[in-house]
PDB file of N, CA and C in Angstrom:
ATOM      1  N   UNK A   1      68.356 110.839  78.148  1.00  0.00           N
ATOM      2  CA  UNK A   1      68.767 110.465  79.483  1.00  0.00           C
ATOM      3  C   UNK A   1      67.608 109.786  80.214  1.00  0.00           C
ATOM      4  N   UNK A   2      67.976 108.906  81.040  1.00  0.00           N
ATOM      5  CA  UNK A   2      66.968 108.220  81.842  1.00  0.00           C
ATOM      6  C   UNK A   2      66.619 109.071  83.054  1.00  0.00           C
ATOM      7  N   UNK A   3      65.461 108.799  83.626  1.00  0.00           N
ATOM      8  CA  UNK A   3      65.016 109.532  84.811  1.00  0.00           C
ATOM      9  C   UNK A   3      65.996 109.392  85.969  1.00  0.00           C
ATOM     10  N   UNK A   4      66.612 108.215  86.113  1.00  0.00           N
ATOM     11  CA  UNK A   4      67.588 108.002  87.189  1.00  0.00           C
ATOM     12  C   UNK A   4      68.776 108.939  87.038  1.00  0.00           C
ATOM     13  N   UNK A   5      69.252 109.084  85.817  1.00  0.00           N
ATOM     14  CA  UNK A   5      70.399 109.954  85.571  1.00  0.00           C
ATOM     15  C   UNK A   5      70.045 111.418  85.858  1.00  0.00           C
ATOM     16  N   UNK A   6      68.870 111.845  85.462  1.00  0.00           N
ATOM     17  CA  UNK A   6      68.434 113.213  85.716  1.00  0.00           C
ATOM     18  C   UNK A   6      68.309 113.453  87.221  1.00  0.00           C
ATOM     19  N   UNK A   7      67.781 112.474  87.911  1.00  0.00           N
ATOM     20  CA  UNK A   7      67.645 112.577  89.364  1.00  0.00           C
ATOM     21  C   UNK A   7      68.994 112.684  90.051  1.00  0.00           C
ATOM     22  N   UNK A   8      69.933 111.883  89.625  1.00  0.00           N
ATOM     23  CA  UNK A   8      71.281 111.905  90.205  1.00  0.00           C
ATOM     24  C   UNK A   8      71.959 113.244  89.927  1.00  0.00           C
ATOM     25  N   UNK A   9      71.828 113.738  88.715  1.00  0.00           N
ATOM     26  CA  UNK A   9      72.410 115.033  88.363  1.00  0.00           C
ATOM     27  C   UNK A   9      71.790 116.145  89.210  1.00  0.00           C
ATOM     28  N   UNK A  10      70.491 116.098  89.409  1.00  0.00           N
ATOM     29  CA  UNK A  10      69.803 117.106  90.220  1.00  0.00           C
ATOM     30  C   UNK A  10      70.302 117.078  91.664  1.00  0.00           C
ATOM     31  N   UNK A  11      70.427 115.891  92.222  1.00  0.00           N
ATOM     32  CA  UNK A  11      70.913 115.755  93.600  1.00  0.00           C
ATOM     33  C   UNK A  11      72.350 116.277  93.713  1.00  0.00           C
ATOM     34  N   UNK A  12      73.192 115.935  92.760  1.00  0.00           N
ATOM     35  CA  UNK A  12      74.579 116.397  92.775  1.00  0.00           C
ATOM     36  C   UNK A  12      74.629 117.928  92.684  1.00  0.00           C
ATOM     37  N   UNK A  13      73.800 118.511  91.829  1.00  0.00           N
ATOM     38  CA  UNK A  13      73.770 119.975  91.707  1.00  0.00           C
ATOM     39  C   UNK A  13      73.326 120.644  93.008  1.00  0.00           C
ATOM     40  N   UNK A  14      72.311 120.095  93.639  1.00  0.00           N
ATOM     41  CA  UNK A  14      71.836 120.658  94.924  1.00  0.00           C
ATOM     42  C   UNK A  14      72.940 120.547  95.974  1.00  0.00           C
ATOM     43  N   UNK A  15      73.615 119.407  96.023  1.00  0.00           N
ATOM     44  CA  UNK A  15      74.713 119.233  96.982  1.00  0.00           C
ATOM     45  C   UNK A  15      75.850 120.214  96.714  1.00  0.00           C
ATOM     46  N   UNK A  16      76.189 120.434  95.461  1.00  0.00           N
ATOM     47  CA  UNK A  16      77.242 121.390  95.125  1.00  0.00           C
ATOM     48  C   UNK A  16      76.855 122.812  95.526  1.00  0.00           C
ATOM     49  N   UNK A  17      75.613 123.176  95.285  1.00  0.00           N
ATOM     50  CA  UNK A  17      75.146 124.508  95.696  1.00  0.00           C
ATOM     51  C   UNK A  17      75.221 124.628  97.216  1.00  0.00           C
ATOM     52  N   UNK A  18      74.800 123.589  97.929  1.00  0.00           N
ATOM     53  CA  UNK A  18      74.844 123.612  99.393  1.00  0.00           C
ATOM     54  C   UNK A  18      76.277 123.750  99.894  1.00  0.00           C
ATOM     55  N   UNK A  19      77.197 123.052  99.279  1.00  0.00           N
ATOM     56  CA  UNK A  19      78.610 123.110  99.687  1.00  0.00           C
ATOM     57  C   UNK A  19      79.168 124.519  99.494  1.00  0.00           C
ATOM     58  N   UNK A  20      78.917 125.114  98.337  1.00  0.00           N
ATOM     59  CA  UNK A  20      79.507 126.413  98.031  1.00  0.00           C
ATOM     60  C   UNK A  20      78.782 127.588  98.688  1.00  0.00           C
ATOM     61  N   UNK A  21      77.595 127.362  99.232  1.00  0.00           N
ATOM     62  CA  UNK A  21      76.870 128.448  99.898  1.00  0.00           C
ATOM     63  C   UNK A  21      76.761 128.237 101.407  1.00  0.00           C
ATOM     64  N   UNK A  22      77.481 127.259 101.924  1.00  0.00           N
ATOM     65  CA  UNK A  22      77.481 127.006 103.364  1.00  0.00           C
ATOM     66  C   UNK A  22      78.037 128.243 104.079  1.00  0.00           C
ATOM     67  N   UNK A  23      77.284 128.840 105.013  1.00  0.00           N
ATOM     68  CA  UNK A  23      77.727 130.071 105.671  1.00  0.00           C
ATOM     69  C   UNK A  23      79.017 129.883 106.479  1.00  0.00           C
ATOM     70  N   UNK A  24      79.832 130.918 106.476  1.00  0.00           N
ATOM     71  CA  UNK A  24      81.095 130.897 107.211  1.00  0.00           C
ATOM     72  C   UNK A  24      80.853 131.166 108.690  1.00  0.00           C
ATOM     73  N   UNK A  25      81.902 131.011 109.476  1.00  0.00           N
ATOM     74  CA  UNK A  25      81.799 131.303 110.907  1.00  0.00           C
ATOM     75  C   UNK A  25      81.448 132.773 111.117  1.00  0.00           C
ATOM     76  N   UNK A  26      82.008 133.638 110.303  1.00  0.00           N
ATOM     77  CA  UNK A  26      81.717 135.068 110.405  1.00  0.00           C
ATOM     78  C   UNK A  26      80.237 135.337 110.190  1.00  0.00           C
ATOM     79  N   UNK A  27      79.633 134.666 109.228  1.00  0.00           N
ATOM     80  CA  UNK A  27      78.198 134.851 108.968  1.00  0.00           C
ATOM     81  C   UNK A  27      77.350 134.364 110.144  1.00  0.00           C
ATOM     82  N   UNK A  28      77.762 133.278 110.764  1.00  0.00           N
ATOM     83  CA  UNK A  28      77.045 132.783 111.945  1.00  0.00           C
ATOM     84  C   UNK A  28      77.124 133.819 113.072  1.00  0.00           C
ATOM     85  N   UNK A  29      78.321 134.333 113.317  1.00  0.00           N
ATOM     86  CA  UNK A  29      78.501 135.313 114.387  1.00  0.00           C
ATOM     87  C   UNK A  29      77.747 136.604 114.095  1.00  0.00           C
ATOM     88  N   UNK A  30      77.747 137.036 112.851  1.00  0.00           N
ATOM     89  CA  UNK A  30      77.035 138.266 112.495  1.00  0.00           C
ATOM     90  C   UNK A  30      75.536 138.126 112.731  1.00  0.00           C
ATOM     91  N   UNK A  31      74.983 136.966 112.441  1.00  0.00           N
ATOM     92  CA  UNK A  31      73.550 136.737 112.672  1.00  0.00           C
ATOM     93  C   UNK A  31      73.228 136.839 114.164  1.00  0.00           C
ATOM     94  N   UNK A  32      74.077 136.257 114.995  1.00  0.00           N
ATOM     95  CA  UNK A  32      73.843 136.309 116.438  1.00  0.00           C
ATOM     96  C   UNK A  32      74.034 137.735 116.951  1.00  0.00           C
ATOM     97  N   UNK A  33      75.057 138.419 116.457  1.00  0.00           N
ATOM     98  CA  UNK A  33      75.273 139.816 116.864  1.00  0.00           C
ATOM     99  C   UNK A  33      74.060 140.670 116.503  1.00  0.00           C
ATOM    100  N   UNK A  34      73.549 140.469 115.315  1.00  0.00           N
ATOM    101  CA  UNK A  34      72.370 141.222 114.863  1.00  0.00           C
ATOM    102  C   UNK A  34      71.171 140.958 115.771  1.00  0.00           C
ATOM    103  N   UNK A  35      70.947 139.703 116.107  1.00  0.00           N
ATOM    104  CA  UNK A  35      69.816 139.338 116.957  1.00  0.00           C
ATOM    105  C   UNK A  35      69.952 139.940 118.352  1.00  0.00           C
ATOM    106  N   UNK A  36      71.131 139.803 118.954  1.00  0.00           N
ATOM    107  CA  UNK A  36      71.326 140.314 120.306  1.00  0.00           C
ATOM    108  C   UNK A  36      71.364 141.844 120.338  1.00  0.00           C
ATOM    109  N   UNK A  37      71.914 142.460 119.316  1.00  0.00           N
ATOM    110  CA  UNK A  37      71.940 143.929 119.262  1.00  0.00           C
ATOM    111  C   UNK A  37      70.526 144.473 119.115  1.00  0.00           C
ATOM    112  N   UNK A  38      69.702 143.835 118.279  1.00  0.00           N
ATOM    113  CA  UNK A  38      68.293 144.252 118.146  1.00  0.00           C
ATOM    114  C   UNK A  38      67.560 144.124 119.468  1.00  0.00           C
ATOM    115  N   UNK A  39      67.790 143.009 120.172  1.00  0.00           N
ATOM    116  CA  UNK A  39      67.175 142.812 121.485  1.00  0.00           C
ATOM    117  C   UNK A  39      67.633 143.910 122.447  1.00  0.00           C
ATOM    118  N   UNK A  40      68.914 144.200 122.453  1.00  0.00           N
ATOM    119  CA  UNK A  40      69.468 145.224 123.345  1.00  0.00           C
ATOM    120  C   UNK A  40      68.856 146.592 123.042  1.00  0.00           C
ATOM    121  N   UNK A  41      68.735 146.933 121.762  1.00  0.00           N
ATOM    122  CA  UNK A  41      68.140 148.214 121.381  1.00  0.00           C
ATOM    123  C   UNK A  41      66.673 148.290 121.808  1.00  0.00           C
ATOM    124  N   UNK A  42      65.940 147.195 121.637  1.00  0.00           N
ATOM    125  CA  UNK A  42      64.537 147.165 122.078  1.00  0.00           C
ATOM    126  C   UNK A  42      64.456 147.355 123.586  1.00  0.00           C
ATOM    127  N   UNK A  43      65.384 146.720 124.293  1.00  0.00           N
ATOM    128  CA  UNK A  43      65.416 146.850 125.749  1.00  0.00           C
ATOM    129  C   UNK A  43      65.649 148.296 126.154  1.00  0.00           C
ATOM    130  N   UNK A  44      66.559 148.968 125.482  1.00  0.00           N
ATOM    131  CA  UNK A  44      66.823 150.382 125.781  1.00  0.00           C
ATOM    132  C   UNK A  44      65.601 151.232 125.460  1.00  0.00           C
ATOM    133  N   UNK A  45      64.955 150.944 124.328  1.00  0.00           N
ATOM    134  CA  UNK A  45      63.771 151.702 123.921  1.00  0.00           C
ATOM    135  C   UNK A  45      62.628 151.519 124.923  1.00  0.00           C
ATOM    136  N   UNK A  46      62.417 150.275 125.356  1.00  0.00           N
ATOM    137  CA  UNK A  46      61.324 150.014 126.282  1.00  0.00           C
ATOM    138  C   UNK A  46      61.575 150.620 127.658  1.00  0.00           C
ATOM    139  N   UNK A  47      62.847 150.744 128.019  1.00  0.00           N
ATOM    140  CA  UNK A  47      63.176 151.359 129.303  1.00  0.00           C
ATOM    141  C   UNK A  47      63.306 152.872 129.183  1.00  0.00           C
ATOM    142  N   UNK A  48      62.939 153.366 127.998  1.00  0.00           N
ATOM    143  CA  UNK A  48      62.912 154.803 127.735  1.00  0.00           C
ATOM    144  C   UNK A  48      64.246 155.483 128.027  1.00  0.00           C
ATOM    145  N   UNK A  49      65.319 154.862 127.578  1.00  0.00           N
ATOM    146  CA  UNK A  49      66.634 155.461 127.724  1.00  0.00           C
ATOM    147  C   UNK A  49      66.744 156.588 126.717  1.00  0.00           C
ATOM    148  N   UNK A  50      67.022 157.756 127.183  1.00  0.00           N
ATOM    149  CA  UNK A  50      67.107 158.942 126.334  1.00  0.00           C
ATOM    150  C   UNK A  50      68.405 158.905 125.535  1.00  0.00           C
ATOM    151  N   UNK A  51      68.293 158.836 124.219  1.00  0.00           N
ATOM    152  CA  UNK A  51      69.478 158.723 123.378  1.00  0.00           C
ATOM    153  C   UNK A  51      70.299 160.012 123.342  1.00  0.00           C
ATOM    154  N   UNK A  52      69.717 161.131 123.770  1.00  0.00           N
ATOM    155  CA  UNK A  52      70.480 162.370 123.794  1.00  0.00           C
ATOM    156  C   UNK A  52      71.270 162.520 125.094  1.00  0.00           C
ATOM    157  N   UNK A  53      70.969 161.715 126.079  1.00  0.00           N
ATOM    158  CA  UNK A  53      71.719 161.703 127.321  1.00  0.00           C
ATOM    159  C   UNK A  53      73.083 161.070 127.034  1.00  0.00           C
ATOM    160  N   UNK A  54      74.159 161.787 127.345  1.00  0.00           N
ATOM    161  CA  UNK A  54      75.505 161.298 127.036  1.00  0.00           C
ATOM    162  C   UNK A  54      75.815 159.983 127.738  1.00  0.00           C
ATOM    163  N   UNK A  55      75.363 159.826 128.976  1.00  0.00           N
ATOM    164  CA  UNK A  55      75.614 158.578 129.696  1.00  0.00           C
ATOM    165  C   UNK A  55      74.860 157.422 129.067  1.00  0.00           C
ATOM    166  N   UNK A  56      73.650 157.679 128.608  1.00  0.00           N
ATOM    167  CA  UNK A  56      72.869 156.629 127.950  1.00  0.00           C
ATOM    168  C   UNK A  56      73.523 156.227 126.639  1.00  0.00           C
ATOM    169  N   UNK A  57      74.033 157.199 125.906  1.00  0.00           N
ATOM    170  CA  UNK A  57      74.720 156.901 124.644  1.00  0.00           C
ATOM    171  C   UNK A  57      75.970 156.081 124.908  1.00  0.00           C
ATOM    172  N   UNK A  58      76.704 156.440 125.951  1.00  0.00           N
ATOM    173  CA  UNK A  58      77.906 155.688 126.307  1.00  0.00           C
ATOM    174  C   UNK A  58      77.540 154.268 126.726  1.00  0.00           C
ATOM    175  N   UNK A  59      76.481 154.139 127.517  1.00  0.00           N
ATOM    176  CA  UNK A  59      76.018 152.821 127.940  1.00  0.00           C
ATOM    177  C   UNK A  59      75.603 151.968 126.760  1.00  0.00           C
ATOM    178  N   UNK A  60      74.942 152.580 125.809  1.00  0.00           N
ATOM    179  CA  UNK A  60      74.525 151.864 124.606  1.00  0.00           C
ATOM    180  C   UNK A  60      75.738 151.354 123.834  1.00  0.00           C
ATOM    181  N   UNK A  61      76.726 152.216 123.675  1.00  0.00           N
ATOM    182  CA  UNK A  61      77.945 151.846 122.955  1.00  0.00           C
ATOM    183  C   UNK A  61      78.683 150.727 123.685  1.00  0.00           C
ATOM    184  N   UNK A  62      78.794 150.847 125.002  1.00  0.00           N
ATOM    185  CA  UNK A  62      79.471 149.817 125.790  1.00  0.00           C
ATOM    186  C   UNK A  62      78.714 148.497 125.733  1.00  0.00           C
ATOM    187  N   UNK A  63      77.386 148.560 125.770  1.00  0.00           N
ATOM    188  CA  UNK A  63      76.579 147.347 125.693  1.00  0.00           C
ATOM    189  C   UNK A  63      76.799 146.607 124.390  1.00  0.00           C
ATOM    190  N   UNK A  64      76.794 147.333 123.301  1.00  0.00           N
ATOM    191  CA  UNK A  64      77.003 146.699 121.997  1.00  0.00           C
ATOM    192  C   UNK A  64      78.415 146.141 121.881  1.00  0.00           C
ATOM    193  N   UNK A  65      79.393 146.852 122.429  1.00  0.00           N
ATOM    194  CA  UNK A  65      80.776 146.375 122.407  1.00  0.00           C
ATOM    195  C   UNK A  65      80.895 145.086 123.214  1.00  0.00           C
ATOM    196  N   UNK A  66      80.249 145.054 124.365  1.00  0.00           N
ATOM    197  CA  UNK A  66      80.278 143.861 125.211  1.00  0.00           C
ATOM    198  C   UNK A  66      79.624 142.676 124.501  1.00  0.00           C
ATOM    199  N   UNK A  67      78.491 142.914 123.860  1.00  0.00           N
ATOM    200  CA  UNK A  67      77.810 141.856 123.097  1.00  0.00           C
ATOM    201  C   UNK A  67      78.754 141.291 122.036  1.00  0.00           C
ATOM    202  N   UNK A  68      79.404 142.176 121.290  1.00  0.00           N
ATOM    203  CA  UNK A  68      80.312 141.734 120.231  1.00  0.00           C
ATOM    204  C   UNK A  68      81.469 140.911 120.785  1.00  0.00           C
ATOM    205  N   UNK A  69      82.053 141.344 121.899  1.00  0.00           N
ATOM    206  CA  UNK A  69      83.187 140.628 122.492  1.00  0.00           C
ATOM    207  C   UNK A  69      82.769 139.234 122.979  1.00  0.00           C
ATOM    208  N   UNK A  70      81.621 139.171 123.642  1.00  0.00           N
ATOM    209  CA  UNK A  70      81.142 137.880 124.148  1.00  0.00           C
ATOM    210  C   UNK A  70      80.880 136.917 122.993  1.00  0.00           C
ATOM    211  N   UNK A  71      80.230 137.412 121.956  1.00  0.00           N
ATOM    212  CA  UNK A  71      79.911 136.556 120.809  1.00  0.00           C
ATOM    213  C   UNK A  71      81.181 136.074 120.119  1.00  0.00           C
ATOM    214  N   UNK A  72      82.150 136.961 119.968  1.00  0.00           N
ATOM    215  CA  UNK A  72      83.412 136.565 119.322  1.00  0.00           C
ATOM    216  C   UNK A  72      84.086 135.415 120.060  1.00  0.00           C
ATOM    217  N   UNK A  73      83.985 135.407 121.377  1.00  0.00           N
ATOM    218  CA  UNK A  73      84.661 134.370 122.164  1.00  0.00           C
ATOM    219  C   UNK A  73      83.809 133.122 122.379  1.00  0.00           C
ATOM    220  N   UNK A  74      82.506 133.263 122.464  1.00  0.00           N
ATOM    221  CA  UNK A  74      81.655 132.143 122.869  1.00  0.00           C
ATOM    222  C   UNK A  74      81.017 131.382 121.713  1.00  0.00           C
ATOM    223  N   UNK A  75      80.937 131.984 120.532  1.00  0.00           N
ATOM    224  CA  UNK A  75      80.209 131.357 119.421  1.00  0.00           C
ATOM    225  C   UNK A  75      81.181 130.673 118.457  1.00  0.00           C
ATOM    226  N   UNK A  76      80.829 129.455 118.080  1.00  0.00           N
ATOM    227  CA  UNK A  76      81.613 128.711 117.092  1.00  0.00           C
ATOM    228  C   UNK A  76      80.668 128.108 116.058  1.00  0.00           C
ATOM    229  N   UNK A  77      81.276 127.594 115.015  1.00  0.00           N
ATOM    230  CA  UNK A  77      80.519 126.961 113.927  1.00  0.00           C
ATOM    231  C   UNK A  77      81.128 125.600 113.672  1.00  0.00           C
ATOM    232  N   UNK A  78      80.270 124.591 113.614  1.00  0.00           N
ATOM    233  CA  UNK A  78      80.726 123.260 113.227  1.00  0.00           C
ATOM    234  C   UNK A  78      80.326 123.043 111.776  1.00  0.00           C
ATOM    235  N   UNK A  79      81.320 122.761 110.953  1.00  0.00           N
ATOM    236  CA  UNK A  79      81.107 122.629 109.517  1.00  0.00           C
ATOM    237  C   UNK A  79      80.876 121.163 109.147  1.00  0.00           C
ATOM    238  N   UNK A  80      79.752 120.915 108.492  1.00  0.00           N
ATOM    239  CA  UNK A  80      79.425 119.580 108.007  1.00  0.00           C
ATOM    240  C   UNK A  80      79.336 119.568 106.480  1.00  0.00           C
ATOM    241  N   UNK A  81      80.098 120.405 105.833  1.00  0.00           N
ATOM    242  CA  UNK A  81      80.266 120.554 104.392  1.00  0.00           C
ATOM    243  C   UNK A  81      79.014 121.099 103.710  1.00  0.00           C
ATOM    244  N   UNK A  82      77.875 120.430 103.794  1.00  0.00           N
ATOM    245  CA  UNK A  82      76.678 120.939 103.107  1.00  0.00           C
ATOM    246  C   UNK A  82      75.822 121.827 104.014  1.00  0.00           C
ATOM    247  N   UNK A  83      76.097 121.796 105.313  1.00  0.00           N
ATOM    248  CA  UNK A  83      75.423 122.678 106.271  1.00  0.00           C
ATOM    249  C   UNK A  83      76.363 122.886 107.451  1.00  0.00           C
ATOM    250  N   UNK A  84      76.019 123.801 108.327  1.00  0.00           N
ATOM    251  CA  UNK A  84      76.830 124.052 109.512  1.00  0.00           C
ATOM    252  C   UNK A  84      75.926 124.330 110.705  1.00  0.00           C
ATOM    253  N   UNK A  85      76.470 124.119 111.885  1.00  0.00           N
ATOM    254  CA  UNK A  85      75.705 124.315 113.108  1.00  0.00           C
ATOM    255  C   UNK A  85      76.356 125.415 113.937  1.00  0.00           C
ATOM    256  N   UNK A  86      75.526 126.338 114.432  1.00  0.00           N
ATOM    257  CA  UNK A  86      75.989 127.412 115.298  1.00  0.00           C
ATOM    258  C   UNK A  86      75.957 126.903 116.728  1.00  0.00           C
ATOM    259  N   UNK A  87      77.084 127.055 117.426  1.00  0.00           N
ATOM    260  CA  UNK A  87      77.147 126.605 118.818  1.00  0.00           C
ATOM    261  C   UNK A  87      77.635 127.744 119.690  1.00  0.00           C
ATOM    262  N   UNK A  88      77.168 127.751 120.932  1.00  0.00           N
ATOM    263  CA  UNK A  88      77.617 128.737 121.898  1.00  0.00           C
ATOM    264  C   UNK A  88      78.105 127.993 123.135  1.00  0.00           C
ATOM    265  N   UNK A  89      79.202 128.474 123.688  1.00  0.00           N
ATOM    266  CA  UNK A  89      79.739 127.882 124.906  1.00  0.00           C
ATOM    267  C   UNK A  89      79.251 128.711 126.084  1.00  0.00           C
ATOM    268  N   UNK A  90      78.544 128.051 126.993  1.00  0.00           N
ATOM    269  CA  UNK A  90      77.997 128.721 128.170  1.00  0.00           C
ATOM    270  C   UNK A  90      78.252 127.838 129.375  1.00  0.00           C
ATOM    271  N   UNK A  91      78.945 128.381 130.352  1.00  0.00           N
ATOM    272  CA  UNK A  91      79.318 127.638 131.561  1.00  0.00           C
ATOM    273  C   UNK A  91      80.066 126.353 131.211  1.00  0.00           C
ATOM    274  N   UNK A  92      80.963 126.443 130.241  1.00  0.00           N
ATOM    275  CA  UNK A  92      81.790 125.316 129.852  1.00  0.00           C
ATOM    276  C   UNK A  92      81.092 124.268 129.003  1.00  0.00           C
ATOM    277  N   UNK A  93      79.843 124.495 128.658  1.00  0.00           N
ATOM    278  CA  UNK A  93      79.077 123.524 127.882  1.00  0.00           C
ATOM    279  C   UNK A  93      78.679 124.131 126.540  1.00  0.00           C
ATOM    280  N   UNK A  94      78.893 123.354 125.468  1.00  0.00           N
ATOM    281  CA  UNK A  94      78.508 123.819 124.134  1.00  0.00           C
ATOM    282  C   UNK A  94      77.065 123.423 123.854  1.00  0.00           C
ATOM    283  N   UNK A  95      76.311 124.402 123.335  1.00  0.00           N
ATOM    284  CA  UNK A  95      74.923 124.134 122.981  1.00  0.00           C
ATOM    285  C   UNK A  95      74.666 124.608 121.550  1.00  0.00           C
ATOM    286  N   UNK A  96      73.898 123.820 120.812  1.00  0.00           N
ATOM    287  CA  UNK A  96      73.507 124.199 119.457  1.00  0.00           C
ATOM    288  C   UNK A  96      72.400 125.237 119.545  1.00  0.00           C
ATOM    289  N   UNK A  97      72.582 126.348 118.819  1.00  0.00           N
ATOM    290  CA  UNK A  97      71.561 127.396 118.848  1.00  0.00           C
ATOM    291  C   UNK A  97      71.073 127.785 117.458  1.00  0.00           C
ATOM    292  N   UNK A  98      71.613 127.140 116.429  1.00  0.00           N
ATOM    293  CA  UNK A  98      71.172 127.459 115.077  1.00  0.00           C
ATOM    294  C   UNK A  98      71.888 126.607 114.046  1.00  0.00           C
ATOM    295  N   UNK A  99      71.567 126.885 112.794  1.00  0.00           N
ATOM    296  CA  UNK A  99      72.212 126.166 111.703  1.00  0.00           C
ATOM    297  C   UNK A  99      72.309 127.075 110.487  1.00  0.00           C
ATOM    298  N   UNK A 100      73.206 126.720 109.595  1.00  0.00           N
ATOM    299  CA  UNK A 100      73.388 127.479 108.369  1.00  0.00           C
ATOM    300  C   UNK A 100      73.337 126.563 107.168  1.00  0.00           C
ATOM    301  N   UNK A 101      72.629 127.026 106.146  1.00  0.00           N
ATOM    302  CA  UNK A 101      72.522 126.253 104.907  1.00  0.00           C
ATOM    303  C   UNK A 101      72.109 127.192 103.775  1.00  0.00           C
ATOM    304  N   UNK A 102      72.606 126.946 102.591  1.00  0.00           N
ATOM    305  CA  UNK A 102      72.288 127.732 101.394  1.00  0.00           C
ATOM    306  C   UNK A 102      72.473 129.235 101.620  1.00  0.00           C
ATOM    307  N   UNK A 103      73.551 129.619 102.303  1.00  0.00           N
ATOM    308  CA  UNK A 103      73.872 131.027 102.483  1.00  0.00           C
ATOM    309  C   UNK A 103      73.091 131.739 103.572  1.00  0.00           C
ATOM    310  N   UNK A 104      72.285 131.014 104.335  1.00  0.00           N
ATOM    311  CA  UNK A 104      71.479 131.615 105.405  1.00  0.00           C
ATOM    312  C   UNK A 104      71.819 130.986 106.738  1.00  0.00           C
ATOM    313  N   UNK A 105      71.676 131.779 107.795  1.00  0.00           N
ATOM    314  CA  UNK A 105      71.837 131.273 109.152  1.00  0.00           C
ATOM    315  C   UNK A 105      70.493 131.426 109.853  1.00  0.00           C
ATOM    316  N   UNK A 106      70.023 130.351 110.444  1.00  0.00           N
ATOM    317  CA  UNK A 106      68.749 130.338 111.147  1.00  0.00           C
ATOM    318  C   UNK A 106      69.010 130.017 112.606  1.00  0.00           C
ATOM    319  N   UNK A 107      68.531 130.899 113.485  1.00  0.00           N
ATOM    320  CA  UNK A 107      68.697 130.656 114.913  1.00  0.00           C
ATOM    321  C   UNK A 107      67.462 129.958 115.463  1.00  0.00           C
ATOM    322  N   UNK A 108      67.674 129.222 116.525  1.00  0.00           N
ATOM    323  CA  UNK A 108      66.591 128.501 117.181  1.00  0.00           C
ATOM    324  C   UNK A 108      65.516 129.468 117.654  1.00  0.00           C
ATOM    325  N   UNK A 109      64.299 129.028 117.560  1.00  0.00           N
ATOM    326  CA  UNK A 109      63.164 129.816 118.047  1.00  0.00           C
ATOM    327  C   UNK A 109      63.290 130.059 119.551  1.00  0.00           C
ATOM    328  N   UNK A 110      63.958 129.164 120.254  1.00  0.00           N
ATOM    329  CA  UNK A 110      64.152 129.305 121.695  1.00  0.00           C
ATOM    330  C   UNK A 110      64.946 130.573 122.026  1.00  0.00           C
ATOM    331  N   UNK A 111      65.872 130.953 121.155  1.00  0.00           N
ATOM    332  CA  UNK A 111      66.665 132.168 121.388  1.00  0.00           C
ATOM    333  C   UNK A 111      65.742 133.383 121.388  1.00  0.00           C
ATOM    334  N   UNK A 112      64.937 133.520 120.350  1.00  0.00           N
ATOM    335  CA  UNK A 112      64.015 134.654 120.254  1.00  0.00           C
ATOM    336  C   UNK A 112      63.000 134.628 121.392  1.00  0.00           C
ATOM    337  N   UNK A 113      62.478 133.450 121.715  1.00  0.00           N
ATOM    338  CA  UNK A 113      61.503 133.346 122.801  1.00  0.00           C
ATOM    339  C   UNK A 113      62.111 133.781 124.131  1.00  0.00           C
ATOM    340  N   UNK A 114      63.334 133.331 124.406  1.00  0.00           N
ATOM    341  CA  UNK A 114      64.003 133.705 125.652  1.00  0.00           C
ATOM    342  C   UNK A 114      64.284 135.196 125.704  1.00  0.00           C
ATOM    343  N   UNK A 115      64.755 135.756 124.603  1.00  0.00           N
ATOM    344  CA  UNK A 115      65.034 137.199 124.582  1.00  0.00           C
ATOM    345  C   UNK A 115      63.750 138.009 124.761  1.00  0.00           C
ATOM    346  N   UNK A 116      62.699 137.612 124.067  1.00  0.00           N
ATOM    347  CA  UNK A 116      61.424 138.333 124.187  1.00  0.00           C
ATOM    348  C   UNK A 116      60.821 138.185 125.582  1.00  0.00           C
ATOM    349  N   UNK A 117      60.982 137.009 126.170  1.00  0.00           N
ATOM    350  CA  UNK A 117      60.470 136.779 127.523  1.00  0.00           C
ATOM    351  C   UNK A 117      61.197 137.697 128.500  1.00  0.00           C
ATOM    352  N   UNK A 118      62.523 137.793 128.361  1.00  0.00           N
ATOM    353  CA  UNK A 118      63.298 138.674 129.244  1.00  0.00           C
ATOM    354  C   UNK A 118      62.963 140.131 128.998  1.00  0.00           C
ATOM    355  N   UNK A 119      62.636 140.481 127.770  1.00  0.00           N
ATOM    356  CA  UNK A 119      62.297 141.854 127.434  1.00  0.00           C
ATOM    357  C   UNK A 119      60.968 142.256 128.056  1.00  0.00           C
ATOM    358  N   UNK A 120      60.031 141.322 128.109  1.00  0.00           N
ATOM    359  CA  UNK A 120      58.699 141.618 128.633  1.00  0.00           C
ATOM    360  C   UNK A 120      58.622 141.574 130.153  1.00  0.00           C
ATOM    361  N   UNK A 121      59.672 141.120 130.817  1.00  0.00           N
ATOM    362  CA  UNK A 121      59.640 141.059 132.288  1.00  0.00           C
ATOM    363  C   UNK A 121      60.054 142.359 132.913  1.00  0.00           C
TER     364      UNK A 121
END
């Protein structure tokens, strides 16, 4: 085989892997839920919310439920076959907040920076 043919075969194989491992909408939402739930738990820990306090436990449960409901309604995925983009609708405007490729979802560094900034205030 010529080098051109090997190169073309390699590119086609990479594209096929990308197509078949493109994360689903559920995977995009789960990544965001995980990120926001971790932030919420850190916030509770830093505010020294006593987990044995029944009201604190209820608040924690309600907070996580609210996070899940908001994400289910506000987060979408735009599929571009070999990759996908995570979008969130906020105040009627869609914004890109991450992308998915090869079975992974990566969120924008701005999301983590904003959450950490709010946590430290």
